Amino acid sequence: MSARIAVLASGGGSNLQALLDHFDRLGGRRAGDIVLVASDRRAAGALERARARGIEASVLPRGDDAALGALLREHGADLVVLAGYLRMVPEAVTRRFEGRMLNVHPSLLPAFGGPGMYGARVHEAVLAAGVRVTGATVHFVDERYDEGAIAAQWPVPVADGDTASSLAARVLRVEHALFPRAVQALASGTLRLEGRRVVGAPSPPRGASFVTTDDDAALTAAIDAAFSPT
Protein backbone atom coordinates (compact mmCIF):
# COMPACT_ATOMS: atom_id res chain seq x y z
CA MET A 1 0.00 0.00 0.00
CA SER A 2 1.39 3.40 -0.97
CA ALA A 3 2.21 5.74 1.92
CA ARG A 4 0.43 9.08 1.96
CA ILE A 5 3.10 11.77 2.35
CA ALA A 6 2.63 15.35 3.52
CA VAL A 7 5.41 17.84 2.74
CA LEU A 8 5.99 21.00 4.79
CA ALA A 9 8.03 23.79 3.17
CA SER A 10 8.66 27.48 3.78
CA GLY A 11 10.52 28.43 0.62
CA GLY A 12 10.86 27.69 -3.06
CA GLY A 13 10.51 23.95 -2.70
CA SER A 14 13.54 22.65 -4.59
CA ASN A 15 13.74 19.62 -2.29
CA LEU A 16 10.03 19.04 -2.88
CA GLN A 17 10.71 19.12 -6.62
CA ALA A 18 13.59 16.68 -6.20
CA LEU A 19 11.25 14.33 -4.36
CA LEU A 20 8.55 14.63 -7.02
CA ASP A 21 11.09 14.00 -9.78
CA HIS A 22 12.50 10.96 -7.98
CA PHE A 23 9.04 9.47 -7.50
CA ASP A 24 8.31 10.11 -11.19
CA ARG A 25 11.43 8.17 -12.13
CA LEU A 26 10.48 5.30 -9.84
CA GLY A 27 6.98 5.11 -11.31
CA GLY A 28 5.18 2.06 -9.97
CA ARG A 29 8.15 1.23 -7.74
CA ARG A 30 7.64 4.29 -5.57
CA ALA A 31 6.50 3.53 -2.04
CA GLY A 32 4.56 6.73 -1.45
CA ASP A 33 2.59 9.58 -2.98
CA ILE A 34 2.63 13.23 -1.98
CA VAL A 35 -0.96 14.11 -1.08
CA LEU A 36 -0.41 17.48 0.63
CA VAL A 37 2.03 20.38 0.60
CA ALA A 38 1.63 22.91 3.40
CA SER A 39 3.52 26.10 4.18
CA ASP A 40 3.64 28.81 6.80
CA ARG A 41 4.17 31.33 3.98
CA ARG A 42 1.43 32.16 1.51
CA ALA A 43 3.95 33.13 -1.19
CA ALA A 44 6.10 30.00 -0.83
CA GLY A 45 7.17 28.66 -4.19
CA ALA A 46 6.60 25.13 -2.88
CA LEU A 47 2.85 25.78 -2.94
CA GLU A 48 2.99 26.72 -6.62
CA ARG A 49 4.95 23.56 -7.39
CA ALA A 50 2.24 21.55 -5.65
CA ARG A 51 -0.61 23.26 -7.50
CA ALA A 52 1.16 22.69 -10.81
CA ARG A 53 1.08 18.97 -10.07
CA GLY A 54 -2.52 18.92 -8.85
CA ILE A 55 -1.46 18.34 -5.24
CA GLU A 56 -3.41 19.96 -2.42
CA ALA A 57 -1.60 23.15 -1.31
CA SER A 58 -2.46 24.69 2.06
CA VAL A 59 -1.29 27.73 4.02
CA LEU A 60 -0.93 27.17 7.76
CA PRO A 61 -2.34 29.96 9.93
CA ARG A 62 0.22 31.54 12.22
CA GLY A 63 -0.26 31.07 15.94
CA ASP A 64 -2.55 28.06 15.57
CA ASP A 65 -0.56 24.97 16.54
CA ALA A 66 -3.60 22.74 16.26
CA ALA A 67 -4.10 23.56 12.58
CA LEU A 68 -1.23 21.40 11.34
CA GLY A 69 -2.38 18.32 13.22
CA ALA A 70 -5.91 18.77 11.93
CA LEU A 71 -4.68 19.20 8.34
CA LEU A 72 -2.58 16.04 8.52
CA ARG A 73 -5.55 14.08 9.87
CA GLU A 74 -7.82 15.48 7.16
CA HIS A 75 -5.47 14.21 4.44
CA GLY A 76 -4.73 10.90 6.10
CA ALA A 77 -0.97 11.49 6.16
CA ASP A 78 1.16 8.47 6.98
CA LEU A 79 4.50 10.26 6.73
CA VAL A 80 5.54 13.91 7.09
CA VAL A 81 8.52 15.39 5.27
CA LEU A 82 10.10 18.74 6.12
CA ALA A 83 11.68 20.23 3.00
CA GLY A 84 13.00 23.62 4.07
CA TYR A 85 10.33 24.18 6.71
CA LEU A 86 11.51 26.87 9.15
CA ARG A 87 8.90 26.70 11.91
CA MET A 88 9.03 24.42 14.91
CA VAL A 89 6.61 21.54 14.46
CA PRO A 90 4.19 21.32 17.41
CA GLU A 91 5.16 18.65 19.92
CA ALA A 92 1.79 16.94 19.57
CA VAL A 93 2.57 16.37 15.89
CA THR A 94 6.15 15.17 16.41
CA ARG A 95 4.93 12.68 19.01
CA ARG A 96 2.13 11.44 16.77
CA PHE A 97 4.52 10.95 13.85
CA GLU A 98 7.48 9.64 15.82
CA GLY A 99 9.60 7.62 13.43
CA ARG A 100 7.49 8.83 10.50
CA MET A 101 8.78 12.39 10.04
CA LEU A 102 12.00 13.37 8.25
CA ASN A 103 13.85 16.65 7.87
CA VAL A 104 16.80 17.60 5.67
CA HIS A 105 19.51 19.91 7.03
CA PRO A 106 22.48 21.44 5.14
CA SER A 107 25.31 20.30 7.43
CA LEU A 108 26.66 17.18 9.06
CA LEU A 109 24.64 17.21 12.24
CA PRO A 110 25.13 17.59 15.14
CA ALA A 111 27.52 20.26 13.84
CA PHE A 112 25.99 23.56 12.74
CA GLY A 113 22.43 22.78 13.76
CA GLY A 114 19.87 24.09 16.23
CA PRO A 115 17.61 27.14 16.48
CA GLY A 116 18.41 29.84 13.94
CA MET A 117 20.74 27.60 11.91
CA TYR A 118 19.22 27.44 8.45
CA GLY A 119 20.03 28.52 4.92
CA ALA A 120 23.04 30.78 4.43
CA ARG A 121 23.62 31.00 8.19
CA VAL A 122 24.70 27.37 8.23
CA HIS A 123 27.21 27.78 5.40
CA GLU A 124 28.57 31.02 6.83
CA ALA A 125 29.16 29.25 10.14
CA VAL A 126 30.89 26.35 8.38
CA LEU A 127 33.26 28.74 6.59
CA ALA A 128 33.91 30.74 9.75
CA ALA A 129 34.82 27.55 11.61
CA GLY A 130 37.37 26.61 8.96
CA VAL A 131 36.25 23.01 8.63
CA ARG A 132 37.21 21.15 5.45
CA VAL A 133 34.17 18.88 5.15
CA THR A 134 30.49 19.67 5.61
CA GLY A 135 27.51 17.87 4.09
CA ALA A 136 23.81 17.11 4.22
CA THR A 137 21.86 15.27 6.90
CA VAL A 138 18.45 13.63 6.83
CA HIS A 139 17.14 13.03 10.33
CA PHE A 140 14.02 11.95 12.13
CA VAL A 141 12.17 14.86 13.71
CA ASP A 142 11.56 15.11 17.43
CA GLU A 143 10.59 18.00 19.71
CA ARG A 144 14.04 19.66 19.52
CA TYR A 145 15.60 21.46 16.56
CA ASP A 146 17.92 19.20 14.56
CA GLU A 147 18.43 16.65 17.36
CA GLY A 148 16.43 13.69 16.06
CA ALA A 149 18.11 10.42 15.18
CA ILE A 150 20.21 10.65 12.03
CA ALA A 151 18.79 8.66 9.12
CA ALA A 152 21.34 9.50 6.42
CA GLN A 153 24.35 11.74 5.88
CA TRP A 154 26.57 12.55 2.94
CA PRO A 155 29.82 14.56 3.07
CA VAL A 156 30.62 17.58 0.92
CA PRO A 157 34.10 19.11 0.65
CA VAL A 158 34.70 22.76 1.50
CA ALA A 159 36.84 24.20 -1.28
CA ASP A 160 39.44 26.92 -1.03
CA GLY A 161 37.79 30.21 -1.93
CA ASP A 162 34.28 28.96 -1.20
CA THR A 163 31.62 31.52 -0.37
CA ALA A 164 28.42 30.74 1.48
CA SER A 165 26.66 30.77 -1.90
CA SER A 166 29.04 28.39 -3.69
CA LEU A 167 29.09 26.00 -0.73
CA ALA A 168 25.29 26.12 -0.47
CA ALA A 169 24.97 25.13 -4.13
CA ARG A 170 27.28 22.14 -3.63
CA VAL A 171 25.43 20.97 -0.53
CA LEU A 172 22.03 21.46 -2.16
CA ARG A 173 22.99 19.17 -5.02
CA VAL A 174 23.64 16.46 -2.44
CA GLU A 175 20.37 17.21 -0.62
CA HIS A 176 18.47 16.75 -3.88
CA ALA A 177 19.94 13.26 -4.29
CA LEU A 178 20.00 12.09 -0.66
CA PHE A 179 16.64 13.33 0.63
CA PRO A 180 14.30 11.67 -1.91
CA ARG A 181 16.04 8.32 -1.46
CA ALA A 182 15.69 8.55 2.30
CA VAL A 183 11.98 9.35 1.96
CA GLN A 184 11.50 6.41 -0.41
CA ALA A 185 13.36 4.14 2.02
CA LEU A 186 11.19 5.27 4.94
CA ALA A 187 8.00 4.83 2.93
CA SER A 188 9.06 1.33 1.87
CA GLY A 189 10.04 0.31 5.39
CA THR A 190 13.70 -0.36 4.60
CA LEU A 191 14.62 2.69 6.70
CA ARG A 192 13.01 2.85 10.11
CA LEU A 193 13.44 4.07 13.67
CA GLU A 194 13.39 1.53 16.48
CA GLY A 195 13.62 3.47 19.72
CA ARG A 196 16.66 5.66 19.12
CA ARG A 197 18.27 3.15 16.76
CA VAL A 198 18.04 3.73 13.02
CA VAL A 199 17.73 0.60 10.89
CA GLY A 200 18.65 0.71 7.21
CA ALA A 201 20.73 3.90 7.26
CA PRO A 202 23.07 4.16 4.25
CA SER A 203 26.83 4.38 4.63
CA PRO A 204 28.60 6.61 2.10
CA PRO A 205 31.66 5.02 0.52
CA ARG A 206 35.02 6.39 1.59
CA GLY A 207 36.01 9.45 -0.41
CA ALA A 208 32.54 9.93 -1.91
CA SER A 209 32.45 13.62 -1.03
CA PHE A 210 35.50 14.36 -3.14
CA VAL A 211 34.62 12.14 -6.10
CA THR A 212 30.92 12.53 -6.71
CA THR A 213 29.68 16.01 -5.82
CA ASP A 214 30.75 17.62 -9.12
CA ASP A 215 29.09 14.87 -11.17
CA ASP A 216 25.36 14.48 -10.65
CA ALA A 217 25.18 11.07 -12.29
CA ALA A 218 28.05 9.71 -10.19
CA LEU A 219 26.56 11.23 -7.06
CA THR A 220 23.13 9.67 -7.53
CA ALA A 221 24.70 6.33 -8.43
CA ALA A 222 26.81 6.39 -5.26
CA ILE A 223 23.84 7.29 -3.07
CA ASP A 224 21.68 4.64 -4.73
CA ALA A 225 24.41 2.11 -3.97
CA ALA A 226 24.60 3.26 -0.35
CA PHE A 227 20.85 2.71 0.08
CA SER A 228 21.00 -0.66 -1.70
CA PRO A 229 24.21 -2.37 -0.54
CA THR A 230 25.12 -5.58 -2.30
C-alpha atoms as a PDB file:
ATOM      1  CA  MET A   1       0.000   0.000   0.000  1.00  0.00           C
ATOM      2  CA  SER A   2       1.388   3.398  -0.975  1.00  0.00           C
ATOM      3  CA  ALA A   3       2.214   5.741   1.920  1.00  0.00           C
ATOM      4  CA  ARG A   4       0.431   9.083   1.963  1.00  0.00           C
ATOM      5  CA  ILE A   5       3.096  11.766   2.350  1.00  0.00           C
ATOM      6  CA  ALA A   6       2.630  15.352   3.521  1.00  0.00           C
ATOM      7  CA  VAL A   7       5.405  17.844   2.744  1.00  0.00           C
ATOM      8  CA  LEU A   8       5.988  21.004   4.786  1.00  0.00           C
ATOM      9  CA  ALA A   9       8.032  23.786   3.175  1.00  0.00           C
ATOM     10  CA  SER A  10       8.658  27.481   3.776  1.00  0.00           C
ATOM     11  CA  GLY A  11      10.517  28.428   0.616  1.00  0.00           C
ATOM     12  CA  GLY A  12      10.860  27.686  -3.062  1.00  0.00           C
ATOM     13  CA  GLY A  13      10.508  23.947  -2.698  1.00  0.00           C
ATOM     14  CA  SER A  14      13.539  22.650  -4.588  1.00  0.00           C
ATOM     15  CA  ASN A  15      13.736  19.620  -2.291  1.00  0.00           C
ATOM     16  CA  LEU A  16      10.030  19.043  -2.884  1.00  0.00           C
ATOM     17  CA  GLN A  17      10.711  19.120  -6.622  1.00  0.00           C
ATOM     18  CA  ALA A  18      13.586  16.677  -6.200  1.00  0.00           C
ATOM     19  CA  LEU A  19      11.248  14.327  -4.357  1.00  0.00           C
ATOM     20  CA  LEU A  20       8.547  14.634  -7.025  1.00  0.00           C
ATOM     21  CA  ASP A  21      11.090  14.002  -9.775  1.00  0.00           C
ATOM     22  CA  HIS A  22      12.501  10.958  -7.978  1.00  0.00           C
ATOM     23  CA  PHE A  23       9.036   9.468  -7.502  1.00  0.00           C
ATOM     24  CA  ASP A  24       8.311  10.108 -11.187  1.00  0.00           C
ATOM     25  CA  ARG A  25      11.428   8.172 -12.134  1.00  0.00           C
ATOM     26  CA  LEU A  26      10.481   5.299  -9.844  1.00  0.00           C
ATOM     27  CA  GLY A  27       6.984   5.108 -11.313  1.00  0.00           C
ATOM     28  CA  GLY A  28       5.183   2.056  -9.970  1.00  0.00           C
ATOM     29  CA  ARG A  29       8.148   1.231  -7.736  1.00  0.00           C
ATOM     30  CA  ARG A  30       7.641   4.291  -5.571  1.00  0.00           C
ATOM     31  CA  ALA A  31       6.496   3.531  -2.042  1.00  0.00           C
ATOM     32  CA  GLY A  32       4.563   6.734  -1.446  1.00  0.00           C
ATOM     33  CA  ASP A  33       2.590   9.575  -2.981  1.00  0.00           C
ATOM     34  CA  ILE A  34       2.626  13.226  -1.980  1.00  0.00           C
ATOM     35  CA  VAL A  35      -0.957  14.112  -1.079  1.00  0.00           C
ATOM     36  CA  LEU A  36      -0.407  17.481   0.626  1.00  0.00           C
ATOM     37  CA  VAL A  37       2.035  20.383   0.596  1.00  0.00           C
ATOM     38  CA  ALA A  38       1.626  22.908   3.399  1.00  0.00           C
ATOM     39  CA  SER A  39       3.524  26.095   4.180  1.00  0.00           C
ATOM     40  CA  ASP A  40       3.638  28.815   6.805  1.00  0.00           C
ATOM     41  CA  ARG A  41       4.172  31.331   3.979  1.00  0.00           C
ATOM     42  CA  ARG A  42       1.429  32.160   1.507  1.00  0.00           C
ATOM     43  CA  ALA A  43       3.947  33.125  -1.188  1.00  0.00           C
ATOM     44  CA  ALA A  44       6.100  30.003  -0.826  1.00  0.00           C
ATOM     45  CA  GLY A  45       7.169  28.657  -4.186  1.00  0.00           C
ATOM     46  CA  ALA A  46       6.596  25.128  -2.884  1.00  0.00           C
ATOM     47  CA  LEU A  47       2.854  25.783  -2.943  1.00  0.00           C
ATOM     48  CA  GLU A  48       2.993  26.719  -6.620  1.00  0.00           C
ATOM     49  CA  ARG A  49       4.947  23.557  -7.389  1.00  0.00           C
ATOM     50  CA  ALA A  50       2.241  21.549  -5.652  1.00  0.00           C
ATOM     51  CA  ARG A  51      -0.610  23.258  -7.495  1.00  0.00           C
ATOM     52  CA  ALA A  52       1.160  22.693 -10.812  1.00  0.00           C
ATOM     53  CA  ARG A  53       1.081  18.966 -10.074  1.00  0.00           C
ATOM     54  CA  GLY A  54      -2.516  18.916  -8.850  1.00  0.00           C
ATOM     55  CA  ILE A  55      -1.459  18.336  -5.236  1.00  0.00           C
ATOM     56  CA  GLU A  56      -3.412  19.960  -2.416  1.00  0.00           C
ATOM     57  CA  ALA A  57      -1.599  23.146  -1.307  1.00  0.00           C
ATOM     58  CA  SER A  58      -2.457  24.689   2.059  1.00  0.00           C
ATOM     59  CA  VAL A  59      -1.286  27.729   4.016  1.00  0.00           C
ATOM     60  CA  LEU A  60      -0.932  27.173   7.761  1.00  0.00           C
ATOM     61  CA  PRO A  61      -2.337  29.962   9.932  1.00  0.00           C
ATOM     62  CA  ARG A  62       0.223  31.543  12.217  1.00  0.00           C
ATOM     63  CA  GLY A  63      -0.265  31.075  15.939  1.00  0.00           C
ATOM     64  CA  ASP A  64      -2.555  28.058  15.566  1.00  0.00           C
ATOM     65  CA  ASP A  65      -0.561  24.974  16.540  1.00  0.00           C
ATOM     66  CA  ALA A  66      -3.597  22.743  16.265  1.00  0.00           C
ATOM     67  CA  ALA A  67      -4.102  23.560  12.584  1.00  0.00           C
ATOM     68  CA  LEU A  68      -1.228  21.402  11.340  1.00  0.00           C
ATOM     69  CA  GLY A  69      -2.382  18.317  13.216  1.00  0.00           C
ATOM     70  CA  ALA A  70      -5.911  18.773  11.929  1.00  0.00           C
ATOM     71  CA  LEU A  71      -4.683  19.200   8.337  1.00  0.00           C
ATOM     72  CA  LEU A  72      -2.584  16.037   8.524  1.00  0.00           C
ATOM     73  CA  ARG A  73      -5.549  14.080   9.869  1.00  0.00           C
ATOM     74  CA  GLU A  74      -7.818  15.478   7.164  1.00  0.00           C
ATOM     75  CA  HIS A  75      -5.474  14.206   4.438  1.00  0.00           C
ATOM     76  CA  GLY A  76      -4.734  10.895   6.102  1.00  0.00           C
ATOM     77  CA  ALA A  77      -0.975  11.490   6.158  1.00  0.00           C
ATOM     78  CA  ASP A  78       1.161   8.465   6.980  1.00  0.00           C
ATOM     79  CA  LEU A  79       4.502  10.265   6.727  1.00  0.00           C
ATOM     80  CA  VAL A  80       5.541  13.911   7.095  1.00  0.00           C
ATOM     81  CA  VAL A  81       8.525  15.385   5.265  1.00  0.00           C
ATOM     82  CA  LEU A  82      10.103  18.743   6.119  1.00  0.00           C
ATOM     83  CA  ALA A  83      11.679  20.234   2.999  1.00  0.00           C
ATOM     84  CA  GLY A  84      12.999  23.616   4.070  1.00  0.00           C
ATOM     85  CA  TYR A  85      10.329  24.176   6.715  1.00  0.00           C
ATOM     86  CA  LEU A  86      11.505  26.866   9.152  1.00  0.00           C
ATOM     87  CA  ARG A  87       8.896  26.701  11.909  1.00  0.00           C
ATOM     88  CA  MET A  88       9.031  24.418  14.914  1.00  0.00           C
ATOM     89  CA  VAL A  89       6.607  21.540  14.460  1.00  0.00           C
ATOM     90  CA  PRO A  90       4.192  21.323  17.415  1.00  0.00           C
ATOM     91  CA  GLU A  91       5.158  18.649  19.923  1.00  0.00           C
ATOM     92  CA  ALA A  92       1.787  16.938  19.575  1.00  0.00           C
ATOM     93  CA  VAL A  93       2.572  16.369  15.888  1.00  0.00           C
ATOM     94  CA  THR A  94       6.153  15.171  16.408  1.00  0.00           C
ATOM     95  CA  ARG A  95       4.928  12.677  19.010  1.00  0.00           C
ATOM     96  CA  ARG A  96       2.128  11.438  16.773  1.00  0.00           C
ATOM     97  CA  PHE A  97       4.521  10.955  13.846  1.00  0.00           C
ATOM     98  CA  GLU A  98       7.479   9.639  15.824  1.00  0.00           C
ATOM     99  CA  GLY A  99       9.600   7.615  13.429  1.00  0.00           C
ATOM    100  CA  ARG A 100       7.490   8.827  10.500  1.00  0.00           C
ATOM    101  CA  MET A 101       8.779  12.393  10.044  1.00  0.00           C
ATOM    102  CA  LEU A 102      11.998  13.365   8.252  1.00  0.00           C
ATOM    103  CA  ASN A 103      13.847  16.655   7.867  1.00  0.00           C
ATOM    104  CA  VAL A 104      16.804  17.599   5.671  1.00  0.00           C
ATOM    105  CA  HIS A 105      19.512  19.909   7.031  1.00  0.00           C
ATOM    106  CA  PRO A 106      22.482  21.436   5.144  1.00  0.00           C
ATOM    107  CA  SER A 107      25.311  20.304   7.433  1.00  0.00           C
ATOM    108  CA  LEU A 108      26.662  17.178   9.059  1.00  0.00           C
ATOM    109  CA  LEU A 109      24.635  17.208  12.243  1.00  0.00           C
ATOM    110  CA  PRO A 110      25.127  17.589  15.144  1.00  0.00           C
ATOM    111  CA  ALA A 111      27.516  20.262  13.842  1.00  0.00           C
ATOM    112  CA  PHE A 112      25.991  23.561  12.741  1.00  0.00           C
ATOM    113  CA  GLY A 113      22.427  22.777  13.763  1.00  0.00           C
ATOM    114  CA  GLY A 114      19.872  24.087  16.226  1.00  0.00           C
ATOM    115  CA  PRO A 115      17.606  27.143  16.480  1.00  0.00           C
ATOM    116  CA  GLY A 116      18.413  29.840  13.939  1.00  0.00           C
ATOM    117  CA  MET A 117      20.737  27.603  11.911  1.00  0.00           C
ATOM    118  CA  TYR A 118      19.218  27.440   8.454  1.00  0.00           C
ATOM    119  CA  GLY A 119      20.028  28.523   4.917  1.00  0.00           C
ATOM    120  CA  ALA A 120      23.036  30.781   4.428  1.00  0.00           C
ATOM    121  CA  ARG A 121      23.618  31.003   8.189  1.00  0.00           C
ATOM    122  CA  VAL A 122      24.702  27.369   8.228  1.00  0.00           C
ATOM    123  CA  HIS A 123      27.205  27.775   5.405  1.00  0.00           C
ATOM    124  CA  GLU A 124      28.572  31.023   6.828  1.00  0.00           C
ATOM    125  CA  ALA A 125      29.159  29.249  10.143  1.00  0.00           C
ATOM    126  CA  VAL A 126      30.892  26.350   8.383  1.00  0.00           C
ATOM    127  CA  LEU A 127      33.262  28.738   6.592  1.00  0.00           C
ATOM    128  CA  ALA A 128      33.910  30.740   9.751  1.00  0.00           C
ATOM    129  CA  ALA A 129      34.824  27.549  11.607  1.00  0.00           C
ATOM    130  CA  GLY A 130      37.372  26.614   8.956  1.00  0.00           C
ATOM    131  CA  VAL A 131      36.249  23.009   8.626  1.00  0.00           C
ATOM    132  CA  ARG A 132      37.206  21.155   5.452  1.00  0.00           C
ATOM    133  CA  VAL A 133      34.169  18.880   5.155  1.00  0.00           C
ATOM    134  CA  THR A 134      30.487  19.674   5.605  1.00  0.00           C
ATOM    135  CA  GLY A 135      27.505  17.868   4.088  1.00  0.00           C
ATOM    136  CA  ALA A 136      23.807  17.110   4.219  1.00  0.00           C
ATOM    137  CA  THR A 137      21.864  15.270   6.899  1.00  0.00           C
ATOM    138  CA  VAL A 138      18.446  13.631   6.827  1.00  0.00           C
ATOM    139  CA  HIS A 139      17.140  13.034  10.330  1.00  0.00           C
ATOM    140  CA  PHE A 140      14.016  11.948  12.128  1.00  0.00           C
ATOM    141  CA  VAL A 141      12.168  14.862  13.708  1.00  0.00           C
ATOM    142  CA  ASP A 142      11.561  15.111  17.428  1.00  0.00           C
ATOM    143  CA  GLU A 143      10.592  17.997  19.711  1.00  0.00           C
ATOM    144  CA  ARG A 144      14.044  19.661  19.524  1.00  0.00           C
ATOM    145  CA  TYR A 145      15.601  21.462  16.562  1.00  0.00           C
ATOM    146  CA  ASP A 146      17.925  19.197  14.562  1.00  0.00           C
ATOM    147  CA  GLU A 147      18.428  16.653  17.361  1.00  0.00           C
ATOM    148  CA  GLY A 148      16.428  13.694  16.065  1.00  0.00           C
ATOM    149  CA  ALA A 149      18.106  10.416  15.177  1.00  0.00           C
ATOM    150  CA  ILE A 150      20.208  10.651  12.029  1.00  0.00           C
ATOM    151  CA  ALA A 151      18.793   8.661   9.123  1.00  0.00           C
ATOM    152  CA  ALA A 152      21.337   9.496   6.416  1.00  0.00           C
ATOM    153  CA  GLN A 153      24.348  11.743   5.876  1.00  0.00           C
ATOM    154  CA  TRP A 154      26.572  12.554   2.939  1.00  0.00           C
ATOM    155  CA  PRO A 155      29.815  14.561   3.068  1.00  0.00           C
ATOM    156  CA  VAL A 156      30.619  17.581   0.921  1.00  0.00           C
ATOM    157  CA  PRO A 157      34.105  19.113   0.649  1.00  0.00           C
ATOM    158  CA  VAL A 158      34.699  22.758   1.503  1.00  0.00           C
ATOM    159  CA  ALA A 159      36.836  24.199  -1.284  1.00  0.00           C
ATOM    160  CA  ASP A 160      39.440  26.924  -1.030  1.00  0.00           C
ATOM    161  CA  GLY A 161      37.788  30.207  -1.930  1.00  0.00           C
ATOM    162  CA  ASP A 162      34.279  28.959  -1.195  1.00  0.00           C
ATOM    163  CA  THR A 163      31.619  31.517  -0.375  1.00  0.00           C
ATOM    164  CA  ALA A 164      28.417  30.740   1.476  1.00  0.00           C
ATOM    165  CA  SER A 165      26.662  30.769  -1.898  1.00  0.00           C
ATOM    166  CA  SER A 166      29.041  28.394  -3.687  1.00  0.00           C
ATOM    167  CA  LEU A 167      29.086  26.005  -0.734  1.00  0.00           C
ATOM    168  CA  ALA A 168      25.291  26.116  -0.466  1.00  0.00           C
ATOM    169  CA  ALA A 169      24.968  25.126  -4.127  1.00  0.00           C
ATOM    170  CA  ARG A 170      27.281  22.138  -3.631  1.00  0.00           C
ATOM    171  CA  VAL A 171      25.427  20.969  -0.533  1.00  0.00           C
ATOM    172  CA  LEU A 172      22.025  21.462  -2.161  1.00  0.00           C
ATOM    173  CA  ARG A 173      22.989  19.169  -5.023  1.00  0.00           C
ATOM    174  CA  VAL A 174      23.638  16.456  -2.441  1.00  0.00           C
ATOM    175  CA  GLU A 175      20.371  17.205  -0.618  1.00  0.00           C
ATOM    176  CA  HIS A 176      18.475  16.751  -3.884  1.00  0.00           C
ATOM    177  CA  ALA A 177      19.938  13.261  -4.286  1.00  0.00           C
ATOM    178  CA  LEU A 178      19.996  12.095  -0.661  1.00  0.00           C
ATOM    179  CA  PHE A 179      16.642  13.333   0.627  1.00  0.00           C
ATOM    180  CA  PRO A 180      14.301  11.670  -1.911  1.00  0.00           C
ATOM    181  CA  ARG A 181      16.036   8.321  -1.464  1.00  0.00           C
ATOM    182  CA  ALA A 182      15.693   8.553   2.304  1.00  0.00           C
ATOM    183  CA  VAL A 183      11.982   9.354   1.957  1.00  0.00           C
ATOM    184  CA  GLN A 184      11.498   6.411  -0.411  1.00  0.00           C
ATOM    185  CA  ALA A 185      13.360   4.144   2.020  1.00  0.00           C
ATOM    186  CA  LEU A 186      11.190   5.274   4.937  1.00  0.00           C
ATOM    187  CA  ALA A 187       8.004   4.833   2.925  1.00  0.00           C
ATOM    188  CA  SER A 188       9.056   1.326   1.870  1.00  0.00           C
ATOM    189  CA  GLY A 189      10.037   0.308   5.389  1.00  0.00           C
ATOM    190  CA  THR A 190      13.701  -0.359   4.596  1.00  0.00           C
ATOM    191  CA  LEU A 191      14.615   2.687   6.695  1.00  0.00           C
ATOM    192  CA  ARG A 192      13.010   2.851  10.110  1.00  0.00           C
ATOM    193  CA  LEU A 193      13.439   4.071  13.669  1.00  0.00           C
ATOM    194  CA  GLU A 194      13.394   1.528  16.481  1.00  0.00           C
ATOM    195  CA  GLY A 195      13.616   3.466  19.722  1.00  0.00           C
ATOM    196  CA  ARG A 196      16.660   5.663  19.125  1.00  0.00           C
ATOM    197  CA  ARG A 197      18.265   3.148  16.758  1.00  0.00           C
ATOM    198  CA  VAL A 198      18.037   3.734  13.016  1.00  0.00           C
ATOM    199  CA  VAL A 199      17.727   0.603  10.894  1.00  0.00           C
ATOM    200  CA  GLY A 200      18.647   0.712   7.213  1.00  0.00           C
ATOM    201  CA  ALA A 201      20.732   3.901   7.262  1.00  0.00           C
ATOM    202  CA  PRO A 202      23.065   4.156   4.245  1.00  0.00           C
ATOM    203  CA  SER A 203      26.829   4.384   4.632  1.00  0.00           C
ATOM    204  CA  PRO A 204      28.599   6.611   2.097  1.00  0.00           C
ATOM    205  CA  PRO A 205      31.658   5.016   0.521  1.00  0.00           C
ATOM    206  CA  ARG A 206      35.018   6.394   1.592  1.00  0.00           C
ATOM    207  CA  GLY A 207      36.008   9.452  -0.414  1.00  0.00           C
ATOM    208  CA  ALA A 208      32.536   9.926  -1.907  1.00  0.00           C
ATOM    209  CA  SER A 209      32.450  13.616  -1.033  1.00  0.00           C
ATOM    210  CA  PHE A 210      35.503  14.357  -3.140  1.00  0.00           C
ATOM    211  CA  VAL A 211      34.621  12.136  -6.099  1.00  0.00           C
ATOM    212  CA  THR A 212      30.918  12.531  -6.712  1.00  0.00           C
ATOM    213  CA  THR A 213      29.683  16.015  -5.820  1.00  0.00           C
ATOM    214  CA  ASP A 214      30.748  17.616  -9.118  1.00  0.00           C
ATOM    215  CA  ASP A 215      29.094  14.869 -11.166  1.00  0.00           C
ATOM    216  CA  ASP A 216      25.360  14.482 -10.646  1.00  0.00           C
ATOM    217  CA  ALA A 217      25.179  11.072 -12.291  1.00  0.00           C
ATOM    218  CA  ALA A 218      28.051   9.714 -10.187  1.00  0.00           C
ATOM    219  CA  LEU A 219      26.557  11.231  -7.061  1.00  0.00           C
ATOM    220  CA  THR A 220      23.132   9.674  -7.529  1.00  0.00           C
ATOM    221  CA  ALA A 221      24.695   6.325  -8.432  1.00  0.00           C
ATOM    222  CA  ALA A 222      26.807   6.395  -5.262  1.00  0.00           C
ATOM    223  CA  ILE A 223      23.835   7.290  -3.073  1.00  0.00           C
ATOM    224  CA  ASP A 224      21.682   4.637  -4.732  1.00  0.00           C
ATOM    225  CA  ALA A 225      24.407   2.110  -3.969  1.00  0.00           C
ATOM    226  CA  ALA A 226      24.598   3.260  -0.351  1.00  0.00           C
ATOM    227  CA  PHE A 227      20.853   2.714   0.081  1.00  0.00           C
ATOM    228  CA  SER A 228      21.005  -0.659  -1.704  1.00  0.00           C
ATOM    229  CA  PRO A 229      24.214  -2.370  -0.538  1.00  0.00           C
ATOM    230  CA  THR A 230      25.124  -5.581  -2.302  1.00  0.00           C
END
